[in-house]
Amino acid sequence: MAGFFKKLISGLTKTRDNVVSGLNSIFHGFSKIDDDFYEELEEMLIMGDIGVATTEKIIDDLKAKVRELKIKEPLESKQLLIDSIKEQMNLGENAYEYENRKSVLLVIGVNGVGKTTSIGKIAAGLKAQGKKVILAAADTFRAAAIEQLTEWADRAGVDIIAQHEGSDPGAVIYDAIQASKARNADVLICDTAGRLHNKKNLMDELKKIDRIIEKEYPDAYRENLIVLDGTTGQNALSQLKEFREVADISGIILTKMDGTAKGGIAVAIQSEYGVPVKYIGVGEHIDDLQKFDSDEFVNALFDIKGDTEND
């Protein structure tokens, strides 16, 4: 995990240079806490893609804490700001409950965000915990998606249920459920097509998949995870908003965080939509996708360990 934290620190360098250095100059540059001070902080947070609504929550929270603790010095409020940001990102107790139950994970997201790769990495992580995992290649829209998922299944050492390009995604899911039950699998992870531009078809497809899972595997614990590309900032938010119209999203996989100036999006997403980030990706390697830890993330963002040699 230490290696991952280092990667996170170095991956968030651009965000840090963009935002945190600006915040530091505000904390050091102001001699008192007043409206101008709060306004500058607000501007800087919005610049880091934390988003207007979330920034307002953070600033309101900070103001309340400053009043309550009778803080006068701007620098003394820095830790309070960090704590407020962390509070916006609390995952709750049962974030990874699916690891302890017979589960079906439906993974959705537009093409190019790292969906198939994320599935492969989660499968590898579960396999390493001794879980029996099956992958379902229900993104039958692209032959490349089936091939790529098959490669990841081989790499992770897990089974895959696939048909050919253009086959019915519902039929793939049906077969995968029967295989999961017959082979006593712990977790079934389903790749799905991410065609947001054709929302009606996507909605129908996801509803059909949902019905099949409900009917064939009613006892399974369900997770619907959306994969979002961290480099797209506010665009990722609008994708989440659109996908929420077609599926009940229970968690987020945030990829490509190794080199984005828009790292604040991890805060905005959870705060504005109440959907937790469950995994965060900082590279291509199989162990570069890890469970999201808000404390660790914010510490890396503010480089709290003082680990600047990673820049």
Protein backbone atom coordinates (compact mmCIF):
# COMPACT_ATOMS: atom_id res chain seq x y z
CA MET A 1 0.00 0.00 0.00
CA ALA A 2 2.92 2.36 0.67
CA GLY A 3 3.82 2.14 -3.01
CA PHE A 4 0.26 3.03 -3.96
CA PHE A 5 0.27 6.05 -1.65
CA LYS A 6 3.50 7.26 -3.30
CA LYS A 7 1.89 6.86 -6.71
CA LEU A 8 -1.15 8.73 -5.46
CA ILE A 9 1.01 11.57 -4.17
CA SER A 10 2.90 11.78 -7.43
CA GLY A 11 -0.28 11.30 -9.51
CA LEU A 12 -1.94 14.22 -7.77
CA THR A 13 1.05 16.52 -8.36
CA LYS A 14 -0.77 18.50 -11.05
CA THR A 15 -3.84 18.98 -8.86
CA ARG A 16 -1.59 19.96 -5.98
CA ASP A 17 0.34 22.47 -8.09
CA ASN A 18 -2.92 23.79 -9.46
CA VAL A 19 -4.89 24.10 -6.23
CA VAL A 20 -3.09 23.28 -3.03
CA SER A 21 -0.18 25.62 -3.62
CA GLY A 22 -2.78 28.35 -4.23
CA LEU A 23 -4.58 27.46 -0.99
CA ASN A 24 -1.30 27.57 0.91
CA SER A 25 -0.54 31.04 -0.38
CA ILE A 26 -4.00 32.15 0.85
CA PHE A 27 -3.40 30.67 4.31
CA HIS A 28 -0.01 32.36 4.49
CA GLY A 29 -0.95 35.56 2.66
CA PHE A 30 -3.88 36.70 4.79
CA SER A 31 -3.38 38.23 8.21
CA LYS A 32 -6.98 37.73 9.34
CA ILE A 33 -10.01 35.58 8.61
CA ASP A 34 -12.57 37.73 6.79
CA ASP A 35 -14.91 37.60 3.78
CA ASP A 36 -12.02 38.19 1.36
CA PHE A 37 -10.17 35.23 2.83
CA TYR A 38 -13.19 32.94 2.40
CA GLU A 39 -13.83 34.25 -1.11
CA GLU A 40 -10.27 33.47 -2.20
CA LEU A 41 -10.50 29.97 -0.71
CA GLU A 42 -13.79 29.39 -2.49
CA GLU A 43 -12.37 30.47 -5.84
CA MET A 44 -9.34 28.22 -5.43
CA LEU A 45 -11.44 25.13 -4.54
CA ILE A 46 -13.73 25.66 -7.54
CA MET A 47 -10.65 25.90 -9.77
CA GLY A 48 -9.63 22.43 -8.56
CA ASP A 49 -12.88 20.94 -9.88
CA ILE A 50 -14.33 20.50 -6.42
CA GLY A 51 -17.44 22.13 -7.88
CA VAL A 52 -19.59 25.05 -6.73
CA ALA A 53 -22.10 23.17 -4.57
CA THR A 54 -19.44 21.13 -2.76
CA THR A 55 -17.21 24.16 -2.27
CA GLU A 56 -20.11 26.04 -0.66
CA LYS A 57 -20.68 23.13 1.75
CA ILE A 58 -16.97 23.01 2.63
CA ILE A 59 -16.74 26.78 3.19
CA ASP A 60 -19.94 26.88 5.29
CA ASP A 61 -18.59 24.03 7.39
CA LEU A 62 -15.25 25.81 7.77
CA LYS A 63 -16.95 29.07 8.83
CA ALA A 64 -18.97 27.22 11.49
CA LYS A 65 -15.86 25.51 12.87
CA VAL A 66 -13.85 28.76 12.89
CA ARG A 67 -16.65 30.49 14.83
CA GLU A 68 -17.09 27.61 17.24
CA LEU A 69 -13.37 27.31 17.98
CA LYS A 70 -12.87 31.12 17.93
CA ILE A 71 -9.97 30.85 15.49
CA LYS A 72 -8.42 34.13 14.40
CA GLU A 73 -5.34 33.11 12.41
CA PRO A 74 -5.86 31.96 8.79
CA LEU A 75 -3.12 29.35 9.05
CA GLU A 76 -4.83 27.75 12.03
CA SER A 77 -7.87 27.04 9.87
CA LYS A 78 -5.95 24.97 7.32
CA GLN A 79 -6.40 21.65 9.16
CA LEU A 80 -10.11 22.48 9.60
CA LEU A 81 -10.43 22.90 5.83
CA ILE A 82 -8.71 19.55 5.28
CA ASP A 83 -11.08 17.91 7.80
CA SER A 84 -14.11 19.49 6.09
CA ILE A 85 -12.99 18.09 2.74
CA LYS A 86 -12.57 14.62 4.28
CA GLU A 87 -16.05 14.81 5.79
CA GLN A 88 -17.56 15.33 2.33
CA MET A 89 -16.17 11.96 1.29
CA ASN A 90 -17.23 9.54 3.98
CA LEU A 91 -17.90 6.11 2.44
CA GLY A 92 -20.05 4.62 5.17
CA GLU A 93 -19.70 1.24 6.82
CA ASN A 94 -20.77 -1.25 4.16
CA ALA A 95 -18.87 0.04 1.15
CA TYR A 96 -17.34 -3.35 0.32
CA GLU A 97 -20.07 -5.61 1.66
CA TYR A 98 -20.18 -7.47 -1.67
CA GLU A 99 -16.84 -9.10 -0.79
CA ASN A 100 -18.56 -11.00 2.01
CA ARG A 101 -21.64 -12.14 0.08
CA LYS A 102 -22.55 -13.96 -3.12
CA SER A 103 -22.61 -10.91 -5.36
CA VAL A 104 -23.23 -9.55 -8.81
CA LEU A 105 -21.28 -6.45 -9.82
CA LEU A 106 -22.60 -4.65 -12.88
CA VAL A 107 -19.92 -2.32 -14.26
CA ILE A 108 -21.02 0.48 -16.57
CA GLY A 109 -19.38 3.49 -18.21
CA VAL A 110 -18.66 4.99 -21.63
CA ASN A 111 -15.97 3.51 -23.87
CA GLY A 112 -12.42 4.64 -23.20
CA VAL A 113 -12.68 5.27 -19.45
CA GLY A 114 -10.87 2.07 -18.48
CA LYS A 115 -13.94 -0.04 -17.74
CA THR A 116 -12.66 -3.43 -18.89
CA THR A 117 -9.25 -2.83 -17.32
CA SER A 118 -10.89 -1.91 -13.99
CA ILE A 119 -12.95 -5.11 -14.06
CA GLY A 120 -9.77 -7.13 -14.64
CA LYS A 121 -8.02 -5.43 -11.73
CA ILE A 122 -10.95 -5.88 -9.32
CA ALA A 123 -11.17 -9.55 -10.37
CA ALA A 124 -7.44 -10.00 -9.69
CA GLY A 125 -7.81 -8.37 -6.26
CA LEU A 126 -10.73 -10.63 -5.31
CA LYS A 127 -8.90 -13.72 -6.59
CA ALA A 128 -5.93 -12.76 -4.42
CA GLN A 129 -8.31 -12.79 -1.42
CA GLY A 130 -9.20 -16.37 -2.29
CA LYS A 131 -12.57 -15.57 -3.89
CA LYS A 132 -13.95 -17.47 -6.86
CA VAL A 133 -14.72 -14.90 -9.54
CA ILE A 134 -16.49 -15.16 -12.89
CA LEU A 135 -16.52 -12.41 -15.52
CA ALA A 136 -19.41 -11.87 -17.95
CA ALA A 137 -18.60 -10.22 -21.28
CA ALA A 138 -21.96 -8.48 -21.79
CA ASP A 139 -20.47 -5.59 -23.77
CA THR A 140 -21.25 -7.45 -26.98
CA PHE A 141 -21.36 -4.25 -28.99
CA ARG A 142 -17.59 -4.27 -29.58
CA ALA A 143 -15.51 -7.34 -30.42
CA ALA A 144 -12.51 -5.59 -28.86
CA ALA A 145 -14.29 -5.44 -25.49
CA ILE A 146 -14.80 -9.21 -25.45
CA GLU A 147 -11.17 -9.84 -26.45
CA GLN A 148 -9.85 -7.41 -23.87
CA LEU A 149 -11.94 -8.88 -21.06
CA THR A 150 -10.81 -12.40 -22.05
CA GLU A 151 -7.18 -11.25 -21.77
CA TRP A 152 -7.84 -9.81 -18.31
CA ALA A 153 -9.60 -13.01 -17.22
CA ASP A 154 -6.51 -15.00 -18.24
CA ARG A 155 -4.22 -12.55 -16.49
CA ALA A 156 -6.26 -12.59 -13.28
CA GLY A 157 -6.75 -16.37 -13.46
CA VAL A 158 -10.56 -16.25 -13.37
CA ASP A 159 -13.31 -17.78 -15.52
CA ILE A 160 -15.12 -15.81 -18.23
CA ILE A 161 -18.48 -16.33 -19.89
CA ALA A 162 -18.57 -14.78 -23.37
CA GLN A 163 -20.38 -15.09 -26.66
CA HIS A 164 -19.61 -13.45 -29.99
CA GLU A 165 -19.91 -9.79 -31.00
CA GLY A 166 -23.51 -8.73 -31.54
CA SER A 167 -25.01 -11.45 -29.35
CA ASP A 168 -27.70 -10.60 -26.82
CA PRO A 169 -26.14 -9.15 -23.63
CA GLY A 170 -29.05 -10.55 -21.59
CA ALA A 171 -28.23 -14.05 -22.81
CA VAL A 172 -24.60 -13.63 -21.74
CA ILE A 173 -25.71 -12.53 -18.26
CA TYR A 174 -28.15 -15.46 -18.07
CA ASP A 175 -25.38 -17.94 -18.95
CA ALA A 176 -22.99 -16.27 -16.51
CA ILE A 177 -25.50 -16.54 -13.65
CA GLN A 178 -26.07 -20.25 -14.34
CA ALA A 179 -22.28 -20.77 -14.43
CA SER A 180 -21.85 -18.79 -11.19
CA LYS A 181 -24.41 -20.94 -9.40
CA ALA A 182 -23.10 -24.21 -10.84
CA ARG A 183 -19.46 -23.37 -10.00
CA ASN A 184 -20.34 -21.81 -6.64
CA ALA A 185 -18.68 -18.49 -7.55
CA ASP A 186 -18.44 -15.77 -4.91
CA VAL A 187 -18.57 -12.77 -7.23
CA LEU A 188 -19.88 -12.35 -10.77
CA ILE A 189 -18.59 -9.20 -12.49
CA CYS A 190 -20.46 -8.10 -15.62
CA ASP A 191 -19.03 -5.81 -18.28
CA THR A 192 -21.74 -3.81 -20.09
CA ALA A 193 -21.91 -1.61 -23.17
CA GLY A 194 -21.46 2.12 -22.51
CA ARG A 195 -23.46 3.70 -25.32
CA LEU A 196 -24.70 6.87 -23.68
CA HIS A 197 -25.47 8.52 -27.02
CA ASN A 198 -28.23 5.97 -27.51
CA LYS A 199 -29.82 6.27 -24.12
CA LYS A 200 -33.10 4.51 -24.97
CA ASN A 201 -31.30 1.32 -26.11
CA LEU A 202 -28.94 1.44 -23.15
CA MET A 203 -31.81 1.89 -20.73
CA ASP A 204 -33.72 -1.03 -22.24
CA GLU A 205 -30.59 -3.21 -22.17
CA LEU A 206 -29.79 -2.42 -18.52
CA LYS A 207 -33.42 -2.96 -17.49
CA LYS A 208 -33.43 -6.33 -19.21
CA ILE A 209 -30.16 -7.32 -17.50
CA ASP A 210 -31.61 -6.17 -14.20
CA ARG A 211 -34.73 -8.31 -14.70
CA ILE A 212 -32.66 -11.38 -15.56
CA ILE A 213 -30.51 -10.98 -12.42
CA GLU A 214 -33.60 -10.41 -10.23
CA LYS A 215 -35.31 -13.50 -11.64
CA GLU A 216 -32.35 -15.89 -11.89
CA TYR A 217 -30.27 -14.80 -8.91
CA PRO A 218 -32.62 -13.04 -6.45
CA ASP A 219 -30.43 -13.73 -3.41
CA ALA A 220 -27.32 -12.10 -4.90
CA TYR A 221 -25.99 -8.93 -3.32
CA ARG A 222 -26.02 -6.22 -6.00
CA GLU A 223 -23.58 -3.46 -6.86
CA ASN A 224 -23.82 -1.17 -9.88
CA LEU A 225 -20.46 0.53 -10.35
CA ILE A 226 -19.79 3.31 -12.83
CA VAL A 227 -16.30 3.88 -14.20
CA LEU A 228 -15.36 7.54 -14.69
CA ASP A 229 -12.19 9.03 -16.12
CA GLY A 230 -10.66 11.37 -13.51
CA THR A 231 -9.00 13.54 -16.17
CA THR A 232 -12.37 14.70 -17.50
CA GLY A 233 -13.27 16.71 -14.39
CA GLN A 234 -16.80 18.11 -14.52
CA ASN A 235 -17.57 15.96 -17.60
CA ALA A 236 -17.35 12.93 -15.34
CA LEU A 237 -20.09 14.49 -13.20
CA SER A 238 -22.40 14.88 -16.18
CA GLN A 239 -21.77 11.24 -17.20
CA LEU A 240 -22.72 10.13 -13.71
CA LYS A 241 -25.86 12.24 -13.90
CA GLU A 242 -26.84 10.66 -17.24
CA PHE A 243 -26.12 7.08 -16.16
CA ARG A 244 -28.11 7.59 -12.99
CA GLU A 245 -31.14 8.12 -15.21
CA VAL A 246 -30.74 4.58 -16.58
CA ALA A 247 -29.35 2.65 -13.59
CA ASP A 248 -29.22 2.73 -9.82
CA ILE A 249 -25.53 3.54 -9.25
CA SER A 250 -24.09 2.35 -5.92
CA GLY A 251 -20.44 3.28 -6.37
CA ILE A 252 -17.77 4.85 -8.55
CA ILE A 253 -14.47 3.64 -9.94
CA LEU A 254 -12.35 6.72 -10.67
CA THR A 255 -9.58 5.96 -13.16
CA LYS A 256 -6.58 7.82 -14.61
CA MET A 257 -5.90 9.80 -11.45
CA ASP A 258 -2.16 9.58 -12.15
CA GLY A 259 -1.66 12.86 -13.89
CA THR A 260 -4.88 14.82 -13.67
CA ALA A 261 -5.07 18.46 -12.63
CA LYS A 262 -8.73 17.78 -11.79
CA GLY A 263 -8.29 15.54 -8.75
CA GLY A 264 -10.88 17.56 -6.84
CA ILE A 265 -13.52 15.74 -8.83
CA ALA A 266 -13.26 12.85 -6.33
CA VAL A 267 -14.59 15.21 -3.66
CA ALA A 268 -17.28 16.81 -5.83
CA ILE A 269 -18.74 13.54 -7.05
CA GLN A 270 -19.35 12.12 -3.59
CA SER A 271 -20.59 15.32 -2.07
CA GLU A 272 -22.95 16.39 -4.85
CA TYR A 273 -24.44 13.02 -5.73
CA GLY A 274 -23.96 11.05 -2.54
CA VAL A 275 -22.43 8.22 -4.56
CA PRO A 276 -19.22 6.94 -2.99
CA VAL A 277 -15.95 6.51 -4.87
CA LYS A 278 -15.08 2.88 -4.12
CA TYR A 279 -11.94 2.42 -6.20
CA ILE A 280 -9.30 4.76 -7.51
CA GLY A 281 -6.83 4.04 -10.31
CA VAL A 282 -3.37 5.56 -10.62
CA GLY A 283 -1.73 3.55 -13.41
CA GLU A 284 -1.67 0.61 -15.77
CA HIS A 285 -0.41 -2.15 -13.47
CA ILE A 286 -2.72 -4.77 -12.03
CA ASP A 287 -2.31 -3.40 -8.48
CA ASP A 288 -2.74 0.26 -9.52
CA LEU A 289 -6.45 0.14 -8.73
CA GLN A 290 -7.12 0.21 -5.00
CA LYS A 291 -10.00 0.72 -2.62
CA PHE A 292 -10.63 4.39 -2.07
CA ASP A 293 -9.57 5.82 1.26
CA SER A 294 -10.71 9.43 1.71
CA ASP A 295 -8.17 10.22 4.43
CA GLU A 296 -5.35 8.86 2.32
CA PHE A 297 -6.61 10.71 -0.76
CA VAL A 298 -6.86 14.11 0.94
CA ASN A 299 -3.50 13.57 2.66
CA ALA A 300 -1.95 12.83 -0.73
CA LEU A 301 -3.69 15.85 -2.22
CA PHE A 302 -2.24 18.13 0.45
CA ASP A 303 0.99 16.10 0.59
CA ILE A 304 0.60 15.90 4.34
CA LYS A 305 3.51 13.49 4.72
CA GLY A 306 5.73 16.23 3.25
CA ASP A 307 6.84 13.80 0.56
CA THR A 308 7.73 16.39 -2.06
CA GLU A 309 10.58 14.39 -3.56
CA ASN A 310 7.99 12.46 -5.56
CA ASP A 311 7.18 15.42 -7.77
